[in-house]
Amino acid sequence: MSNPAHVFKVRFLYKRILMLHKFLPLDLKALGDQYVKDEFKRNKIAAPEEAKRFMVEWEGYKDTLQTQVMEAARNQLKQNHFGGDLPEEQLNHFNEDQVGQLYELMQEATKPNRQFNIQDDSLHK
């Protein structure tokens, strides 16, 4: 699927997601950015049906994150929650590799001492 309109939509979605990640806590931003980059790179040569499903899922992620970022902006003093639960029905459609990837991502995102120990450089200027 390399028609110019599709390529434009993919690039726009990719950039929009990375822009939304700027509003996440730094460790989740780093984790999310790397995951998005890997997934978009991995799916560059997907079959048309896979590419269509890929875009639907990532559009949904973008919409959810955008809503959560807007909510966080309104509630600046409260603890913000990003992400959501994955319905079991949707999980049943994943292949073994996808379930493994999801499990690794969940482990990294929920462990107390995350792999990414990032400091906000703007605090030191």
PDB file of N, CA and C in Angstrom:
ATOM      1  N   MET A   1       0.831  -1.190   0.000  1.00  0.00           N
ATOM      2  CA  MET A   1       0.000   0.000   0.000  1.00  0.00           C
ATOM      3  C   MET A   1       0.869   1.245   0.000  1.00  0.00           C
ATOM      4  N   SER A   2       1.365   1.599  -1.136  1.00  0.00           N
ATOM      5  CA  SER A   2       2.259   2.744  -1.165  1.00  0.00           C
ATOM      6  C   SER A   2       1.681   3.907  -1.957  1.00  0.00           C
ATOM      7  N   ASN A   3       0.349   4.019  -2.020  1.00  0.00           N
ATOM      8  CA  ASN A   3      -0.188   5.177  -2.721  1.00  0.00           C
ATOM      9  C   ASN A   3       0.041   6.413  -1.858  1.00  0.00           C
ATOM     10  N   PRO A   4       0.232   7.556  -2.495  1.00  0.00           N
ATOM     11  CA  PRO A   4       0.599   8.778  -1.768  1.00  0.00           C
ATOM     12  C   PRO A   4      -0.388   9.182  -0.672  1.00  0.00           C
ATOM     13  N   ALA A   5      -1.680   8.990  -0.886  1.00  0.00           N
ATOM     14  CA  ALA A   5      -2.663   9.373   0.126  1.00  0.00           C
ATOM     15  C   ALA A   5      -2.500   8.512   1.379  1.00  0.00           C
ATOM     16  N   HIS A   6      -2.251   7.221   1.188  1.00  0.00           N
ATOM     17  CA  HIS A   6      -2.061   6.330   2.334  1.00  0.00           C
ATOM     18  C   HIS A   6      -0.782   6.699   3.089  1.00  0.00           C
ATOM     19  N   VAL A   7       0.273   6.946   2.360  1.00  0.00           N
ATOM     20  CA  VAL A   7       1.552   7.320   2.978  1.00  0.00           C
ATOM     21  C   VAL A   7       1.377   8.602   3.796  1.00  0.00           C
ATOM     22  N   PHE A   8       0.648   9.568   3.254  1.00  0.00           N
ATOM     23  CA  PHE A   8       0.393  10.824   3.971  1.00  0.00           C
ATOM     24  C   PHE A   8      -0.369  10.546   5.265  1.00  0.00           C
ATOM     25  N   LYS A   9      -1.421   9.709   5.208  1.00  0.00           N
ATOM     26  CA  LYS A   9      -2.215   9.397   6.397  1.00  0.00           C
ATOM     27  C   LYS A   9      -1.367   8.707   7.461  1.00  0.00           C
ATOM     28  N   VAL A  10      -0.499   7.784   7.027  1.00  0.00           N
ATOM     29  CA  VAL A  10       0.359   7.071   7.978  1.00  0.00           C
ATOM     30  C   VAL A  10       1.322   8.038   8.648  1.00  0.00           C
ATOM     31  N   ARG A  11       1.962   8.883   7.868  1.00  0.00           N
ATOM     32  CA  ARG A  11       2.908   9.853   8.432  1.00  0.00           C
ATOM     33  C   ARG A  11       2.225  10.835   9.381  1.00  0.00           C
ATOM     34  N   PHE A  12       1.047  11.299   8.993  1.00  0.00           N
ATOM     35  CA  PHE A  12       0.311  12.238   9.842  1.00  0.00           C
ATOM     36  C   PHE A  12      -0.039  11.577  11.173  1.00  0.00           C
ATOM     37  N   LEU A  13      -0.520  10.344  11.127  1.00  0.00           N
ATOM     38  CA  LEU A  13      -0.879   9.615  12.339  1.00  0.00           C
ATOM     39  C   LEU A  13       0.343   9.400  13.225  1.00  0.00           C
ATOM     40  N   TYR A  14       1.438   8.983  12.619  1.00  0.00           N
ATOM     41  CA  TYR A  14       2.695   8.740  13.331  1.00  0.00           C
ATOM     42  C   TYR A  14       3.152  10.010  14.067  1.00  0.00           C
ATOM     43  N   LYS A  15       3.175  11.126  13.353  1.00  0.00           N
ATOM     44  CA  LYS A  15       3.626  12.387  13.947  1.00  0.00           C
ATOM     45  C   LYS A  15       2.667  12.883  15.023  1.00  0.00           C
ATOM     46  N   ARG A  16       1.382  12.676  14.814  1.00  0.00           N
ATOM     47  CA  ARG A  16       0.380  13.105  15.797  1.00  0.00           C
ATOM     48  C   ARG A  16       0.539  12.325  17.101  1.00  0.00           C
ATOM     49  N   ILE A  17       0.766  11.010  16.983  1.00  0.00           N
ATOM     50  CA  ILE A  17       0.954  10.184  18.176  1.00  0.00           C
ATOM     51  C   ILE A  17       2.200  10.629  18.935  1.00  0.00           C
ATOM     52  N   LEU A  18       3.298  10.834  18.227  1.00  0.00           N
ATOM     53  CA  LEU A  18       4.526  11.277  18.894  1.00  0.00           C
ATOM     54  C   LEU A  18       4.331  12.637  19.553  1.00  0.00           C
ATOM     55  N   MET A  19       3.547  13.515  18.922  1.00  0.00           N
ATOM     56  CA  MET A  19       3.269  14.811  19.519  1.00  0.00           C
ATOM     57  C   MET A  19       2.452  14.641  20.806  1.00  0.00           C
ATOM     58  N   LEU A  20       1.468  13.768  20.798  1.00  0.00           N
ATOM     59  CA  LEU A  20       0.651  13.524  21.989  1.00  0.00           C
ATOM     60  C   LEU A  20       1.472  12.909  23.113  1.00  0.00           C
ATOM     61  N   HIS A  21       2.468  12.118  22.759  1.00  0.00           N
ATOM     62  CA  HIS A  21       3.333  11.509  23.776  1.00  0.00           C
ATOM     63  C   HIS A  21       4.098  12.563  24.568  1.00  0.00           C
ATOM     64  N   LYS A  22       4.258  13.762  24.024  1.00  0.00           N
ATOM     65  CA  LYS A  22       4.967  14.820  24.742  1.00  0.00           C
ATOM     66  C   LYS A  22       4.251  15.220  26.026  1.00  0.00           C
ATOM     67  N   PHE A  23       2.984  14.873  26.136  1.00  0.00           N
ATOM     68  CA  PHE A  23       2.199  15.213  27.320  1.00  0.00           C
ATOM     69  C   PHE A  23       2.203  14.107  28.370  1.00  0.00           C
ATOM     70  N   LEU A  24       2.840  12.993  28.076  1.00  0.00           N
ATOM     71  CA  LEU A  24       2.917  11.877  29.022  1.00  0.00           C
ATOM     72  C   LEU A  24       4.062  12.108  30.002  1.00  0.00           C
ATOM     73  N   PRO A  25       4.019  11.425  31.146  1.00  0.00           N
ATOM     74  CA  PRO A  25       5.200  11.447  32.021  1.00  0.00           C
ATOM     75  C   PRO A  25       6.417  10.977  31.215  1.00  0.00           C
ATOM     76  N   LEU A  26       7.587  11.497  31.526  1.00  0.00           N
ATOM     77  CA  LEU A  26       8.775  11.254  30.701  1.00  0.00           C
ATOM     78  C   LEU A  26       9.083   9.776  30.469  1.00  0.00           C
ATOM     79  N   ASP A  27       8.940   8.937  31.503  1.00  0.00           N
ATOM     80  CA  ASP A  27       9.252   7.527  31.310  1.00  0.00           C
ATOM     81  C   ASP A  27       8.249   6.853  30.372  1.00  0.00           C
ATOM     82  N   LEU A  28       6.973   7.221  30.478  1.00  0.00           N
ATOM     83  CA  LEU A  28       5.979   6.656  29.566  1.00  0.00           C
ATOM     84  C   LEU A  28       6.148   7.210  28.150  1.00  0.00           C
ATOM     85  N   LYS A  29       6.571   8.459  28.046  1.00  0.00           N
ATOM     86  CA  LYS A  29       6.838   9.039  26.722  1.00  0.00           C
ATOM     87  C   LYS A  29       7.944   8.262  26.015  1.00  0.00           C
ATOM     88  N   ALA A  30       9.032   8.002  26.725  1.00  0.00           N
ATOM     89  CA  ALA A  30      10.155   7.278  26.123  1.00  0.00           C
ATOM     90  C   ALA A  30       9.730   5.873  25.706  1.00  0.00           C
ATOM     91  N   LEU A  31       9.004   5.192  26.575  1.00  0.00           N
ATOM     92  CA  LEU A  31       8.527   3.847  26.273  1.00  0.00           C
ATOM     93  C   LEU A  31       7.564   3.877  25.085  1.00  0.00           C
ATOM     94  N   GLY A  32       6.623   4.810  25.115  1.00  0.00           N
ATOM     95  CA  GLY A  32       5.646   4.926  24.037  1.00  0.00           C
ATOM     96  C   GLY A  32       6.269   5.295  22.710  1.00  0.00           C
ATOM     97  N   ASP A  33       7.186   6.262  22.723  1.00  0.00           N
ATOM     98  CA  ASP A  33       7.848   6.670  21.484  1.00  0.00           C
ATOM     99  C   ASP A  33       8.578   5.504  20.837  1.00  0.00           C
ATOM    100  N   GLN A  34       9.319   4.755  21.635  1.00  0.00           N
ATOM    101  CA  GLN A  34      10.075   3.625  21.084  1.00  0.00           C
ATOM    102  C   GLN A  34       9.136   2.564  20.520  1.00  0.00           C
ATOM    103  N   TYR A  35       8.051   2.293  21.233  1.00  0.00           N
ATOM    104  CA  TYR A  35       7.095   1.287  20.781  1.00  0.00           C
ATOM    105  C   TYR A  35       6.442   1.712  19.470  1.00  0.00           C
ATOM    106  N   VAL A  36       6.021   2.975  19.383  1.00  0.00           N
ATOM    107  CA  VAL A  36       5.385   3.483  18.163  1.00  0.00           C
ATOM    108  C   VAL A  36       6.359   3.409  16.990  1.00  0.00           C
ATOM    109  N   LYS A  37       7.588   3.838  17.202  1.00  0.00           N
ATOM    110  CA  LYS A  37       8.579   3.800  16.123  1.00  0.00           C
ATOM    111  C   LYS A  37       8.815   2.378  15.642  1.00  0.00           C
ATOM    112  N   ASP A  38       8.943   1.444  16.573  1.00  0.00           N
ATOM    113  CA  ASP A  38       9.160   0.035  16.206  1.00  0.00           C
ATOM    114  C   ASP A  38       7.962  -0.527  15.454  1.00  0.00           C
ATOM    115  N   GLU A  39       6.758  -0.252  15.935  1.00  0.00           N
ATOM    116  CA  GLU A  39       5.553  -0.790  15.310  1.00  0.00           C
ATOM    117  C   GLU A  39       5.338  -0.220  13.906  1.00  0.00           C
ATOM    118  N   PHE A  40       5.524   1.072  13.737  1.00  0.00           N
ATOM    119  CA  PHE A  40       5.323   1.663  12.411  1.00  0.00           C
ATOM    120  C   PHE A  40       6.390   1.158  11.444  1.00  0.00           C
ATOM    121  N   LYS A  41       7.608   0.994  11.913  1.00  0.00           N
ATOM    122  CA  LYS A  41       8.669   0.465  11.060  1.00  0.00           C
ATOM    123  C   LYS A  41       8.367  -0.991  10.682  1.00  0.00           C
ATOM    124  N   ARG A  42       7.929  -1.779  11.657  1.00  0.00           N
ATOM    125  CA  ARG A  42       7.646  -3.194  11.449  1.00  0.00           C
ATOM    126  C   ARG A  42       6.501  -3.399  10.459  1.00  0.00           C
ATOM    127  N   ASN A  43       5.591  -2.459  10.397  1.00  0.00           N
ATOM    128  CA  ASN A  43       4.418  -2.622   9.543  1.00  0.00           C
ATOM    129  C   ASN A  43       4.486  -1.850   8.237  1.00  0.00           C
ATOM    130  N   LYS A  44       5.680  -1.396   7.865  1.00  0.00           N
ATOM    131  CA  LYS A  44       5.848  -0.661   6.606  1.00  0.00           C
ATOM    132  C   LYS A  44       5.441  -1.488   5.393  1.00  0.00           C
ATOM    133  N   ILE A  45       5.696  -2.767   5.451  1.00  0.00           N
ATOM    134  CA  ILE A  45       5.421  -3.622   4.293  1.00  0.00           C
ATOM    135  C   ILE A  45       4.262  -4.588   4.557  1.00  0.00           C
ATOM    136  N   ALA A  46       3.326  -4.166   5.369  1.00  0.00           N
ATOM    137  CA  ALA A  46       2.168  -5.002   5.698  1.00  0.00           C
ATOM    138  C   ALA A  46       1.268  -5.183   4.483  1.00  0.00           C
ATOM    139  N   ALA A  47       0.588  -6.320   4.453  1.00  0.00           N
ATOM    140  CA  ALA A  47      -0.410  -6.574   3.412  1.00  0.00           C
ATOM    141  C   ALA A  47      -1.533  -5.554   3.564  1.00  0.00           C
ATOM    142  N   PRO A  48      -2.253  -5.259   2.481  1.00  0.00           N
ATOM    143  CA  PRO A  48      -3.296  -4.228   2.541  1.00  0.00           C
ATOM    144  C   PRO A  48      -4.316  -4.430   3.675  1.00  0.00           C
ATOM    145  N   GLU A  49      -4.766  -5.648   3.902  1.00  0.00           N
ATOM    146  CA  GLU A  49      -5.741  -5.891   4.974  1.00  0.00           C
ATOM    147  C   GLU A  49      -5.118  -5.637   6.345  1.00  0.00           C
ATOM    148  N   GLU A  50      -3.872  -6.043   6.522  1.00  0.00           N
ATOM    149  CA  GLU A  50      -3.167  -5.793   7.789  1.00  0.00           C
ATOM    150  C   GLU A  50      -2.949  -4.296   7.986  1.00  0.00           C
ATOM    151  N   ALA A  51      -2.589  -3.596   6.908  1.00  0.00           N
ATOM    152  CA  ALA A  51      -2.354  -2.154   6.991  1.00  0.00           C
ATOM    153  C   ALA A  51      -3.633  -1.423   7.396  1.00  0.00           C
ATOM    154  N   LYS A  52      -4.753  -1.878   6.869  1.00  0.00           N
ATOM    155  CA  LYS A  52      -6.036  -1.270   7.199  1.00  0.00           C
ATOM    156  C   LYS A  52      -6.345  -1.459   8.692  1.00  0.00           C
ATOM    157  N   ARG A  53      -6.167  -2.675   9.189  1.00  0.00           N
ATOM    158  CA  ARG A  53      -6.410  -2.964  10.607  1.00  0.00           C
ATOM    159  C   ARG A  53      -5.433  -2.192  11.491  1.00  0.00           C
ATOM    160  N   PHE A  54      -4.173  -2.119  11.050  1.00  0.00           N
ATOM    161  CA  PHE A  54      -3.136  -1.370  11.770  1.00  0.00           C
ATOM    162  C   PHE A  54      -3.555   0.086  11.942  1.00  0.00           C
ATOM    163  N   MET A  55      -4.025   0.706  10.856  1.00  0.00           N
ATOM    164  CA  MET A  55      -4.412   2.108  10.910  1.00  0.00           C
ATOM    165  C   MET A  55      -5.628   2.317  11.813  1.00  0.00           C
ATOM    166  N   VAL A  56      -6.590   1.417  11.760  1.00  0.00           N
ATOM    167  CA  VAL A  56      -7.774   1.538  12.607  1.00  0.00           C
ATOM    168  C   VAL A  56      -7.371   1.491  14.081  1.00  0.00           C
ATOM    169  N   GLU A  57      -6.511   0.544  14.436  1.00  0.00           N
ATOM    170  CA  GLU A  57      -6.095   0.405  15.834  1.00  0.00           C
ATOM    171  C   GLU A  57      -5.301   1.619  16.311  1.00  0.00           C
ATOM    172  N   TRP A  58      -4.375   2.108  15.494  1.00  0.00           N
ATOM    173  CA  TRP A  58      -3.568   3.252  15.905  1.00  0.00           C
ATOM    174  C   TRP A  58      -4.380   4.544  15.905  1.00  0.00           C
ATOM    175  N   GLU A  59      -5.375   4.658  15.026  1.00  0.00           N
ATOM    176  CA  GLU A  59      -6.276   5.820  15.070  1.00  0.00           C
ATOM    177  C   GLU A  59      -7.040   5.807  16.389  1.00  0.00           C
ATOM    178  N   GLY A  60      -7.487   4.625  16.794  1.00  0.00           N
ATOM    179  CA  GLY A  60      -8.190   4.499  18.065  1.00  0.00           C
ATOM    180  C   GLY A  60      -7.304   4.897  19.232  1.00  0.00           C
ATOM    181  N   TYR A  61      -6.045   4.461  19.196  1.00  0.00           N
ATOM    182  CA  TYR A  61      -5.077   4.829  20.241  1.00  0.00           C
ATOM    183  C   TYR A  61      -4.898   6.344  20.273  1.00  0.00           C
ATOM    184  N   LYS A  62      -4.733   6.936  19.109  1.00  0.00           N
ATOM    185  CA  LYS A  62      -4.545   8.393  19.018  1.00  0.00           C
ATOM    186  C   LYS A  62      -5.745   9.129  19.579  1.00  0.00           C
ATOM    187  N   ASP A  63      -6.943   8.679  19.229  1.00  0.00           N
ATOM    188  CA  ASP A  63      -8.157   9.338  19.716  1.00  0.00           C
ATOM    189  C   ASP A  63      -8.273   9.227  21.235  1.00  0.00           C
ATOM    190  N   THR A  64      -7.996   8.033  21.761  1.00  0.00           N
ATOM    191  CA  THR A  64      -8.057   7.823  23.211  1.00  0.00           C
ATOM    192  C   THR A  64      -7.041   8.698  23.925  1.00  0.00           C
ATOM    193  N   LEU A  65      -5.810   8.696  23.438  1.00  0.00           N
ATOM    194  CA  LEU A  65      -4.757   9.484  24.068  1.00  0.00           C
ATOM    195  C   LEU A  65      -5.064  10.976  23.983  1.00  0.00           C
ATOM    196  N   GLN A  66      -5.581  11.415  22.858  1.00  0.00           N
ATOM    197  CA  GLN A  66      -5.915  12.831  22.689  1.00  0.00           C
ATOM    198  C   GLN A  66      -6.988  13.242  23.702  1.00  0.00           C
ATOM    199  N   THR A  67      -7.989  12.393  23.904  1.00  0.00           N
ATOM    200  CA  THR A  67      -9.034  12.661  24.888  1.00  0.00           C
ATOM    201  C   THR A  67      -8.442  12.721  26.294  1.00  0.00           C
ATOM    202  N   GLN A  68      -7.550  11.785  26.610  1.00  0.00           N
ATOM    203  CA  GLN A  68      -6.943  11.748  27.936  1.00  0.00           C
ATOM    204  C   GLN A  68      -6.028  12.944  28.172  1.00  0.00           C
ATOM    205  N   VAL A  69      -5.314  13.381  27.157  1.00  0.00           N
ATOM    206  CA  VAL A  69      -4.445  14.553  27.276  1.00  0.00           C
ATOM    207  C   VAL A  69      -5.290  15.805  27.519  1.00  0.00           C
ATOM    208  N   MET A  70      -6.400  15.926  26.799  1.00  0.00           N
ATOM    209  CA  MET A  70      -7.283  17.086  26.993  1.00  0.00           C
ATOM    210  C   MET A  70      -7.882  17.069  28.402  1.00  0.00           C
ATOM    211  N   GLU A  71      -8.257  15.902  28.873  1.00  0.00           N
ATOM    212  CA  GLU A  71      -8.802  15.766  30.231  1.00  0.00           C
ATOM    213  C   GLU A  71      -7.738  16.125  31.259  1.00  0.00           C
ATOM    214  N   ALA A  72      -6.513  15.673  31.040  1.00  0.00           N
ATOM    215  CA  ALA A  72      -5.412  15.990  31.962  1.00  0.00           C
ATOM    216  C   ALA A  72      -5.154  17.494  32.001  1.00  0.00           C
ATOM    217  N   ALA A  73      -5.290  18.166  30.863  1.00  0.00           N
ATOM    218  CA  ALA A  73      -5.077  19.616  30.815  1.00  0.00           C
ATOM    219  C   ALA A  73      -6.145  20.351  31.633  1.00  0.00           C
ATOM    220  N   ARG A  74      -7.355  19.833  31.624  1.00  0.00           N
ATOM    221  CA  ARG A  74      -8.437  20.451  32.402  1.00  0.00           C
ATOM    222  C   ARG A  74      -8.266  20.215  33.901  1.00  0.00           C
ATOM    223  N   ASN A  75      -7.689  19.081  34.267  1.00  0.00           N
ATOM    224  CA  ASN A  75      -7.536  18.701  35.681  1.00  0.00           C
ATOM    225  C   ASN A  75      -6.069  18.744  36.085  1.00  0.00           C
ATOM    226  N   GLN A  76      -5.435  19.871  35.936  1.00  0.00           N
ATOM    227  CA  GLN A  76      -3.992  19.978  36.131  1.00  0.00           C
ATOM    228  C   GLN A  76      -3.514  19.566  37.515  1.00  0.00           C
ATOM    229  N   LEU A  77      -4.309  19.740  38.527  1.00  0.00           N
ATOM    230  CA  LEU A  77      -3.856  19.446  39.878  1.00  0.00           C
ATOM    231  C   LEU A  77      -4.094  17.998  40.298  1.00  0.00           C
ATOM    232  N   LYS A  78      -4.880  17.265  39.544  1.00  0.00           N
ATOM    233  CA  LYS A  78      -5.194  15.886  39.894  1.00  0.00           C
ATOM    234  C   LYS A  78      -4.191  14.916  39.276  1.00  0.00           C
ATOM    235  N   GLN A  79      -4.125  13.717  39.870  1.00  0.00           N
ATOM    236  CA  GLN A  79      -3.326  12.629  39.294  1.00  0.00           C
ATOM    237  C   GLN A  79      -3.985  12.216  37.979  1.00  0.00           C
ATOM    238  N   ASN A  80      -3.235  12.148  36.914  1.00  0.00           N
ATOM    239  CA  ASN A  80      -3.797  11.804  35.613  1.00  0.00           C
ATOM    240  C   ASN A  80      -3.601  10.327  35.314  1.00  0.00           C
ATOM    241  N   HIS A  81      -4.547   9.784  34.585  1.00  0.00           N
ATOM    242  CA  HIS A  81      -4.496   8.378  34.186  1.00  0.00           C
ATOM    243  C   HIS A  81      -4.441   8.319  32.674  1.00  0.00           C
ATOM    244  N   PHE A  82      -3.432   7.644  32.160  1.00  0.00           N
ATOM    245  CA  PHE A  82      -3.307   7.466  30.719  1.00  0.00           C
ATOM    246  C   PHE A  82      -3.405   5.985  30.413  1.00  0.00           C
ATOM    247  N   GLY A  83      -4.000   5.671  29.273  1.00  0.00           N
ATOM    248  CA  GLY A  83      -4.156   4.273  28.877  1.00  0.00           C
ATOM    249  C   GLY A  83      -5.550   3.782  29.176  1.00  0.00           C
ATOM    250  N   GLY A  84      -5.739   2.488  29.010  1.00  0.00           N
ATOM    251  CA  GLY A  84      -7.053   1.912  29.253  1.00  0.00           C
ATOM    252  C   GLY A  84      -6.978   0.407  29.258  1.00  0.00           C
ATOM    253  N   ASP A  85      -8.077  -0.208  29.606  1.00  0.00           N
ATOM    254  CA  ASP A  85      -8.152  -1.664  29.630  1.00  0.00           C
ATOM    255  C   ASP A  85      -8.386  -2.205  28.226  1.00  0.00           C
ATOM    256  N   LEU A  86      -7.862  -3.380  27.987  1.00  0.00           N
ATOM    257  CA  LEU A  86      -8.037  -4.053  26.709  1.00  0.00           C
ATOM    258  C   LEU A  86      -9.120  -5.112  26.880  1.00  0.00           C
ATOM    259  N   PRO A  87     -10.230  -4.983  26.165  1.00  0.00           N
ATOM    260  CA  PRO A  87     -11.304  -5.965  26.310  1.00  0.00           C
ATOM    261  C   PRO A  87     -10.823  -7.369  25.920  1.00  0.00           C
ATOM    262  N   GLU A  88     -11.278  -8.360  26.673  1.00  0.00           N
ATOM    263  CA  GLU A  88     -10.862  -9.741  26.416  1.00  0.00           C
ATOM    264  C   GLU A  88     -11.233 -10.170  24.999  1.00  0.00           C
ATOM    265  N   GLU A  89     -12.369  -9.688  24.508  1.00  0.00           N
ATOM    266  CA  GLU A  89     -12.808 -10.029  23.148  1.00  0.00           C
ATOM    267  C   GLU A  89     -11.759  -9.607  22.116  1.00  0.00           C
ATOM    268  N   GLN A  90     -11.182  -8.440  22.307  1.00  0.00           N
ATOM    269  CA  GLN A  90     -10.162  -7.947  21.389  1.00  0.00           C
ATOM    270  C   GLN A  90      -8.868  -8.736  21.550  1.00  0.00           C
ATOM    271  N   LEU A  91      -8.537  -9.080  22.772  1.00  0.00           N
ATOM    272  CA  LEU A  91      -7.333  -9.852  23.045  1.00  0.00           C
ATOM    273  C   LEU A  91      -7.388 -11.227  22.379  1.00  0.00           C
ATOM    274  N   ASN A  92      -8.569 -11.785  22.256  1.00  0.00           N
ATOM    275  CA  ASN A  92      -8.735 -13.102  21.632  1.00  0.00           C
ATOM    276  C   ASN A  92      -8.390 -13.108  20.149  1.00  0.00           C
ATOM    277  N   HIS A  93      -8.336 -11.928  19.533  1.00  0.00           N
ATOM    278  CA  HIS A  93      -8.005 -11.835  18.107  1.00  0.00           C
ATOM    279  C   HIS A  93      -6.501 -11.673  17.862  1.00  0.00           C
ATOM    280  N   PHE A  94      -5.718 -11.564  18.921  1.00  0.00           N
ATOM    281  CA  PHE A  94      -4.272 -11.391  18.785  1.00  0.00           C
ATOM    282  C   PHE A  94      -3.608 -12.733  18.505  1.00  0.00           C
ATOM    283  N   ASN A  95      -2.534 -12.689  17.708  1.00  0.00           N
ATOM    284  CA  ASN A  95      -1.752 -13.909  17.523  1.00  0.00           C
ATOM    285  C   ASN A  95      -0.754 -14.030  18.675  1.00  0.00           C
ATOM    286  N   GLU A  96      -0.052 -15.141  18.705  1.00  0.00           N
ATOM    287  CA  GLU A  96       0.854 -15.427  19.829  1.00  0.00           C
ATOM    288  C   GLU A  96       1.939 -14.358  19.986  1.00  0.00           C
ATOM    289  N   ASP A  97       2.510 -13.901  18.876  1.00  0.00           N
ATOM    290  CA  ASP A  97       3.543 -12.858  18.929  1.00  0.00           C
ATOM    291  C   ASP A  97       2.991 -11.554  19.506  1.00  0.00           C
ATOM    292  N   GLN A  98       1.775 -11.191  19.104  1.00  0.00           N
ATOM    293  CA  GLN A  98       1.169  -9.959  19.589  1.00  0.00           C
ATOM    294  C   GLN A  98       0.883 -10.035  21.089  1.00  0.00           C
ATOM    295  N   VAL A  99       0.435 -11.188  21.545  1.00  0.00           N
ATOM    296  CA  VAL A  99       0.181 -11.358  22.974  1.00  0.00           C
ATOM    297  C   VAL A  99       1.492 -11.228  23.747  1.00  0.00           C
ATOM    298  N   GLY A 100       2.565 -11.824  23.212  1.00  0.00           N
ATOM    299  CA  GLY A 100       3.881 -11.719  23.846  1.00  0.00           C
ATOM    300  C   GLY A 100       4.359 -10.282  23.912  1.00  0.00           C
ATOM    301  N   GLN A 101       4.199  -9.551  22.822  1.00  0.00           N
ATOM    302  CA  GLN A 101       4.591  -8.133  22.775  1.00  0.00           C
ATOM    303  C   GLN A 101       3.798  -7.322  23.790  1.00  0.00           C
ATOM    304  N   LEU A 102       2.508  -7.579  23.833  1.00  0.00           N
ATOM    305  CA  LEU A 102       1.641  -6.853  24.749  1.00  0.00           C
ATOM    306  C   LEU A 102       2.022  -7.135  26.198  1.00  0.00           C
ATOM    307  N   TYR A 103       2.342  -8.370  26.485  1.00  0.00           N
ATOM    308  CA  TYR A 103       2.731  -8.744  27.835  1.00  0.00           C
ATOM    309  C   TYR A 103       4.027  -8.034  28.238  1.00  0.00           C
ATOM    310  N   GLU A 104       5.013  -8.015  27.339  1.00  0.00           N
ATOM    311  CA  GLU A 104       6.278  -7.323  27.622  1.00  0.00           C
ATOM    312  C   GLU A 104       6.047  -5.829  27.838  1.00  0.00           C
ATOM    313  N   LEU A 105       5.192  -5.242  27.031  1.00  0.00           N
ATOM    314  CA  LEU A 105       4.887  -3.822  27.169  1.00  0.00           C
ATOM    315  C   LEU A 105       4.195  -3.556  28.505  1.00  0.00           C
ATOM    316  N   MET A 106       3.255  -4.413  28.878  1.00  0.00           N
ATOM    317  CA  MET A 106       2.561  -4.259  30.154  1.00  0.00           C
ATOM    318  C   MET A 106       3.531  -4.379  31.321  1.00  0.00           C
ATOM    319  N   GLN A 107       4.444  -5.337  31.240  1.00  0.00           N
ATOM    320  CA  GLN A 107       5.433  -5.502  32.313  1.00  0.00           C
ATOM    321  C   GLN A 107       6.285  -4.250  32.455  1.00  0.00           C
ATOM    322  N   GLU A 108       6.747  -3.708  31.352  1.00  0.00           N
ATOM    323  CA  GLU A 108       7.606  -2.528  31.385  1.00  0.00           C
ATOM    324  C   GLU A 108       6.846  -1.301  31.892  1.00  0.00           C
ATOM    325  N   ALA A 109       5.607  -1.158  31.468  1.00  0.00           N
ATOM    326  CA  ALA A 109       4.835   0.020  31.838  1.00  0.00           C
ATOM    327  C   ALA A 109       4.365  -0.003  33.289  1.00  0.00           C
ATOM    328  N   THR A 110       4.293  -1.189  33.892  1.00  0.00           N
ATOM    329  CA  THR A 110       3.758  -1.271  35.252  1.00  0.00           C
ATOM    330  C   THR A 110       4.789  -1.577  36.319  1.00  0.00           C
ATOM    331  N   LYS A 111       6.021  -1.869  35.944  1.00  0.00           N
ATOM    332  CA  LYS A 111       6.994  -2.173  36.995  1.00  0.00           C
ATOM    333  C   LYS A 111       7.424  -0.894  37.709  1.00  0.00           C
ATOM    334  N   PRO A 112       7.716  -1.024  39.019  1.00  0.00           N
ATOM    335  CA  PRO A 112       8.021   0.173  39.818  1.00  0.00           C
ATOM    336  C   PRO A 112       9.303   0.881  39.386  1.00  0.00           C
ATOM    337  N   ASN A 113      10.318   0.158  39.002  1.00  0.00           N
ATOM    338  CA  ASN A 113      11.574   0.766  38.556  1.00  0.00           C
ATOM    339  C   ASN A 113      11.700   0.531  37.064  1.00  0.00           C
ATOM    340  N   ARG A 114      11.121   1.432  36.306  1.00  0.00           N
ATOM    341  CA  ARG A 114      11.102   1.261  34.860  1.00  0.00           C
ATOM    342  C   ARG A 114      12.503   1.332  34.283  1.00  0.00           C
ATOM    343  N   GLN A 115      12.634   0.732  33.094  1.00  0.00           N
ATOM    344  CA  GLN A 115      13.917   0.710  32.392  1.00  0.00           C
ATOM    345  C   GLN A 115      14.398   2.128  32.111  1.00  0.00           C
ATOM    346  N   PHE A 116      13.469   3.038  31.890  1.00  0.00           N
ATOM    347  CA  PHE A 116      13.811   4.402  31.542  1.00  0.00           C
ATOM    348  C   PHE A 116      13.833   5.249  32.806  1.00  0.00           C
ATOM    349  N   ASN A 117      14.979   5.799  33.124  1.00  0.00           N
ATOM    350  CA  ASN A 117      15.106   6.698  34.264  1.00  0.00           C
ATOM    351  C   ASN A 117      15.491   8.053  33.691  1.00  0.00           C
ATOM    352  N   ILE A 118      14.500   8.789  33.278  1.00  0.00           N
ATOM    353  CA  ILE A 118      14.734  10.018  32.529  1.00  0.00           C
ATOM    354  C   ILE A 118      14.447  11.219  33.410  1.00  0.00           C
ATOM    355  N   GLN A 119      15.314  12.186  33.358  1.00  0.00           N
ATOM    356  CA  GLN A 119      15.134  13.430  34.084  1.00  0.00           C
ATOM    357  C   GLN A 119      14.709  14.495  33.093  1.00  0.00           C
ATOM    358  N   ASP A 120      13.882  15.399  33.517  1.00  0.00           N
ATOM    359  CA  ASP A 120      13.456  16.514  32.673  1.00  0.00           C
ATOM    360  C   ASP A 120      14.565  17.547  32.677  1.00  0.00           C
ATOM    361  N   ASP A 121      15.248  17.711  31.544  1.00  0.00           N
ATOM    362  CA  ASP A 121      16.357  18.664  31.444  1.00  0.00           C
ATOM    363  C   ASP A 121      15.930  20.108  31.674  1.00  0.00           C
ATOM    364  N   SER A 122      14.687  20.422  31.427  1.00  0.00           N
ATOM    365  CA  SER A 122      14.246  21.809  31.586  1.00  0.00           C
ATOM    366  C   SER A 122      14.284  22.247  33.051  1.00  0.00           C
ATOM    367  N   LEU A 123      14.289  21.286  33.971  1.00  0.00           N
ATOM    368  CA  LEU A 123      14.351  21.643  35.385  1.00  0.00           C
ATOM    369  C   LEU A 123      15.743  22.094  35.800  1.00  0.00           C
ATOM    370  N   HIS A 124      16.760  21.745  35.022  1.00  0.00           N
ATOM    371  CA  HIS A 124      18.156  22.028  35.382  1.00  0.00           C
ATOM    372  C   HIS A 124      18.712  23.243  34.649  1.00  0.00           C
ATOM    373  N   LYS A 125      17.871  23.994  33.981  1.00  0.00           N
ATOM    374  CA  LYS A 125      18.378  25.141  33.201  1.00  0.00           C
ATOM    375  C   LYS A 125      18.261  26.412  33.979  1.00  0.00           C
TER     376      LYS A 125
END
